[in-house]
Amino acid sequence: MEILQKIALIFTIIGAVNWGLIGLFDFNLVTFLTGDMVTIRNLIYIIVGITGLVNIGIFFQHFDGE
């Protein structure tokens, strides 16, 4: 499960950076990288959304600091 959460965290960070770029510079990195490939763009948004939900599980875990 730890590997899944790390992968999910990477995608969530990518999504957060994209939203930051949109807010600061009105620049959508996903649209820039995918161009006219709407299906790929939507797939990226879906993956980022799902990984955000997976990361909700972090709130309910107890970390021992190990």
N, C-alpha and C. Protein backbone atom coordinates (compact mmCIF):
# COMPACT_ATOMS: atom_id res chain seq x y z
N MET A 1 0.82 -1.20 0.00
CA MET A 1 0.00 0.00 0.00
C MET A 1 0.86 1.26 0.00
N GLU A 2 2.03 1.18 0.60
CA GLU A 2 2.90 2.34 0.68
C GLU A 2 3.34 2.81 -0.71
N ILE A 3 3.63 1.86 -1.60
CA ILE A 3 4.05 2.21 -2.97
C ILE A 3 2.91 2.90 -3.70
N LEU A 4 1.69 2.38 -3.55
CA LEU A 4 0.52 3.00 -4.18
C LEU A 4 0.33 4.43 -3.70
N GLN A 5 0.51 4.66 -2.41
CA GLN A 5 0.33 6.00 -1.87
C GLN A 5 1.42 6.95 -2.35
N LYS A 6 2.63 6.46 -2.53
CA LYS A 6 3.70 7.31 -3.05
C LYS A 6 3.44 7.69 -4.50
N ILE A 7 2.97 6.73 -5.30
CA ILE A 7 2.62 7.03 -6.69
C ILE A 7 1.46 8.01 -6.73
N ALA A 8 0.47 7.78 -5.87
CA ALA A 8 -0.67 8.70 -5.80
C ALA A 8 -0.23 10.09 -5.39
N LEU A 9 0.70 10.17 -4.46
CA LEU A 9 1.19 11.47 -4.02
C LEU A 9 1.89 12.21 -5.14
N ILE A 10 2.66 11.49 -5.96
CA ILE A 10 3.33 12.12 -7.10
C ILE A 10 2.31 12.73 -8.05
N PHE A 11 1.27 11.98 -8.38
CA PHE A 11 0.24 12.51 -9.28
C PHE A 11 -0.51 13.67 -8.65
N THR A 12 -0.74 13.61 -7.36
CA THR A 12 -1.43 14.70 -6.67
C THR A 12 -0.57 15.96 -6.69
N ILE A 13 0.73 15.81 -6.51
CA ILE A 13 1.64 16.96 -6.58
C ILE A 13 1.63 17.55 -7.98
N ILE A 14 1.65 16.70 -9.00
CA ILE A 14 1.57 17.19 -10.39
C ILE A 14 0.29 18.00 -10.58
N GLY A 15 -0.82 17.49 -10.06
CA GLY A 15 -2.08 18.21 -10.16
C GLY A 15 -2.04 19.55 -9.43
N ALA A 16 -1.41 19.56 -8.26
CA ALA A 16 -1.31 20.80 -7.49
C ALA A 16 -0.45 21.83 -8.22
N VAL A 17 0.66 21.37 -8.79
CA VAL A 17 1.52 22.28 -9.56
C VAL A 17 0.74 22.84 -10.75
N ASN A 18 -0.02 21.99 -11.42
CA ASN A 18 -0.80 22.45 -12.56
C ASN A 18 -1.81 23.52 -12.13
N TRP A 19 -2.50 23.29 -11.01
CA TRP A 19 -3.46 24.28 -10.53
C TRP A 19 -2.75 25.58 -10.13
N GLY A 20 -1.57 25.46 -9.56
CA GLY A 20 -0.80 26.66 -9.22
C GLY A 20 -0.43 27.46 -10.46
N LEU A 21 -0.02 26.76 -11.52
CA LEU A 21 0.31 27.44 -12.77
C LEU A 21 -0.93 28.11 -13.39
N ILE A 22 -2.06 27.44 -13.28
CA ILE A 22 -3.30 28.02 -13.80
C ILE A 22 -3.65 29.29 -13.02
N GLY A 23 -3.55 29.21 -11.70
CA GLY A 23 -3.89 30.36 -10.86
C GLY A 23 -2.94 31.53 -11.01
N LEU A 24 -1.66 31.23 -11.12
CA LEU A 24 -0.67 32.31 -11.18
C LEU A 24 -0.49 32.89 -12.58
N PHE A 25 -0.45 32.03 -13.57
CA PHE A 25 -0.07 32.47 -14.91
C PHE A 25 -1.11 32.17 -16.00
N ASP A 26 -2.27 31.61 -15.61
CA ASP A 26 -3.29 31.20 -16.57
C ASP A 26 -2.68 30.25 -17.61
N PHE A 27 -1.80 29.35 -17.13
CA PHE A 27 -1.11 28.39 -18.00
C PHE A 27 -1.44 26.98 -17.53
N ASN A 28 -2.09 26.20 -18.39
CA ASN A 28 -2.44 24.82 -18.06
C ASN A 28 -1.38 23.90 -18.65
N LEU A 29 -0.55 23.33 -17.80
CA LEU A 29 0.54 22.47 -18.23
C LEU A 29 0.02 21.21 -18.92
N VAL A 30 -1.06 20.64 -18.42
CA VAL A 30 -1.61 19.42 -19.01
C VAL A 30 -2.08 19.69 -20.43
N THR A 31 -2.79 20.78 -20.64
CA THR A 31 -3.23 21.14 -21.99
C THR A 31 -2.05 21.43 -22.89
N PHE A 32 -1.05 22.08 -22.36
CA PHE A 32 0.16 22.37 -23.14
C PHE A 32 0.85 21.09 -23.59
N LEU A 33 0.95 20.11 -22.69
CA LEU A 33 1.65 18.87 -23.01
C LEU A 33 0.84 17.94 -23.90
N THR A 34 -0.49 17.96 -23.77
CA THR A 34 -1.31 17.02 -24.53
C THR A 34 -1.86 17.61 -25.82
N GLY A 35 -1.87 18.93 -25.95
CA GLY A 35 -2.35 19.56 -27.18
C GLY A 35 -3.80 19.22 -27.47
N ASP A 36 -4.06 18.68 -28.65
CA ASP A 36 -5.43 18.37 -29.08
C ASP A 36 -5.90 16.99 -28.64
N MET A 37 -5.10 16.27 -27.88
CA MET A 37 -5.46 14.92 -27.45
C MET A 37 -6.37 14.99 -26.22
N VAL A 38 -7.64 15.25 -26.45
CA VAL A 38 -8.60 15.47 -25.37
C VAL A 38 -8.75 14.22 -24.51
N THR A 39 -8.74 13.06 -25.11
CA THR A 39 -8.90 11.82 -24.36
C THR A 39 -7.75 11.63 -23.38
N ILE A 40 -6.53 11.88 -23.83
CA ILE A 40 -5.36 11.76 -22.95
C ILE A 40 -5.44 12.79 -21.83
N ARG A 41 -5.83 14.01 -22.18
CA ARG A 41 -5.96 15.08 -21.18
C ARG A 41 -6.98 14.69 -20.12
N ASN A 42 -8.13 14.19 -20.54
CA ASN A 42 -9.15 13.78 -19.59
C ASN A 42 -8.68 12.61 -18.73
N LEU A 43 -7.93 11.69 -19.33
CA LEU A 43 -7.40 10.57 -18.58
C LEU A 43 -6.44 11.05 -17.49
N ILE A 44 -5.61 12.04 -17.80
CA ILE A 44 -4.70 12.60 -16.80
C ILE A 44 -5.49 13.24 -15.66
N TYR A 45 -6.54 14.00 -16.01
CA TYR A 45 -7.36 14.62 -14.97
C TYR A 45 -8.04 13.57 -14.10
N ILE A 46 -8.51 12.49 -14.71
CA ILE A 46 -9.16 11.41 -13.95
C ILE A 46 -8.16 10.75 -13.01
N ILE A 47 -6.94 10.48 -13.50
CA ILE A 47 -5.91 9.85 -12.66
C ILE A 47 -5.56 10.75 -11.48
N VAL A 48 -5.39 12.05 -11.75
CA VAL A 48 -5.07 12.98 -10.66
C VAL A 48 -6.21 13.02 -9.64
N GLY A 49 -7.44 13.02 -10.11
CA GLY A 49 -8.59 13.01 -9.19
C GLY A 49 -8.66 11.75 -8.34
N ILE A 50 -8.44 10.60 -8.96
CA ILE A 50 -8.46 9.34 -8.22
C ILE A 50 -7.32 9.29 -7.21
N THR A 51 -6.14 9.74 -7.62
CA THR A 51 -5.02 9.71 -6.69
C THR A 51 -5.22 10.68 -5.52
N GLY A 52 -5.93 11.77 -5.77
CA GLY A 52 -6.27 12.66 -4.66
C GLY A 52 -7.16 11.94 -3.65
N LEU A 53 -8.09 11.14 -4.14
CA LEU A 53 -8.96 10.37 -3.25
C LEU A 53 -8.16 9.30 -2.51
N VAL A 54 -7.22 8.66 -3.18
CA VAL A 54 -6.37 7.66 -2.52
C VAL A 54 -5.59 8.31 -1.38
N ASN A 55 -5.14 9.53 -1.59
CA ASN A 55 -4.35 10.21 -0.56
C ASN A 55 -5.16 10.61 0.65
N ILE A 56 -6.48 10.58 0.55
CA ILE A 56 -7.31 10.83 1.74
C ILE A 56 -6.99 9.81 2.82
N GLY A 57 -6.60 8.61 2.39
CA GLY A 57 -6.25 7.57 3.35
C GLY A 57 -5.11 7.95 4.26
N ILE A 58 -4.25 8.85 3.84
CA ILE A 58 -3.13 9.29 4.68
C ILE A 58 -3.64 9.93 5.97
N PHE A 59 -4.78 10.60 5.91
CA PHE A 59 -5.32 11.25 7.10
C PHE A 59 -5.70 10.25 8.17
N PHE A 60 -5.99 9.03 7.77
CA PHE A 60 -6.48 8.04 8.70
C PHE A 60 -5.41 7.03 9.13
N GLN A 61 -4.17 7.26 8.73
CA GLN A 61 -3.08 6.37 9.11
C GLN A 61 -2.32 6.94 10.29
N HIS A 62 -1.82 6.04 11.10
CA HIS A 62 -0.96 6.44 12.21
C HIS A 62 0.48 6.16 11.80
N PHE A 63 1.31 7.19 11.79
CA PHE A 63 2.70 7.03 11.43
C PHE A 63 3.53 6.97 12.69
N ASP A 64 4.36 5.93 12.79
CA ASP A 64 5.20 5.73 13.97
C ASP A 64 6.50 6.52 13.90
N GLY A 65 6.77 7.16 12.75
CA GLY A 65 7.99 7.90 12.62
C GLY A 65 9.18 7.04 12.26
N GLU A 66 8.94 5.83 11.83
CA GLU A 66 10.02 4.91 11.46
C GLU A 66 10.42 5.11 10.03
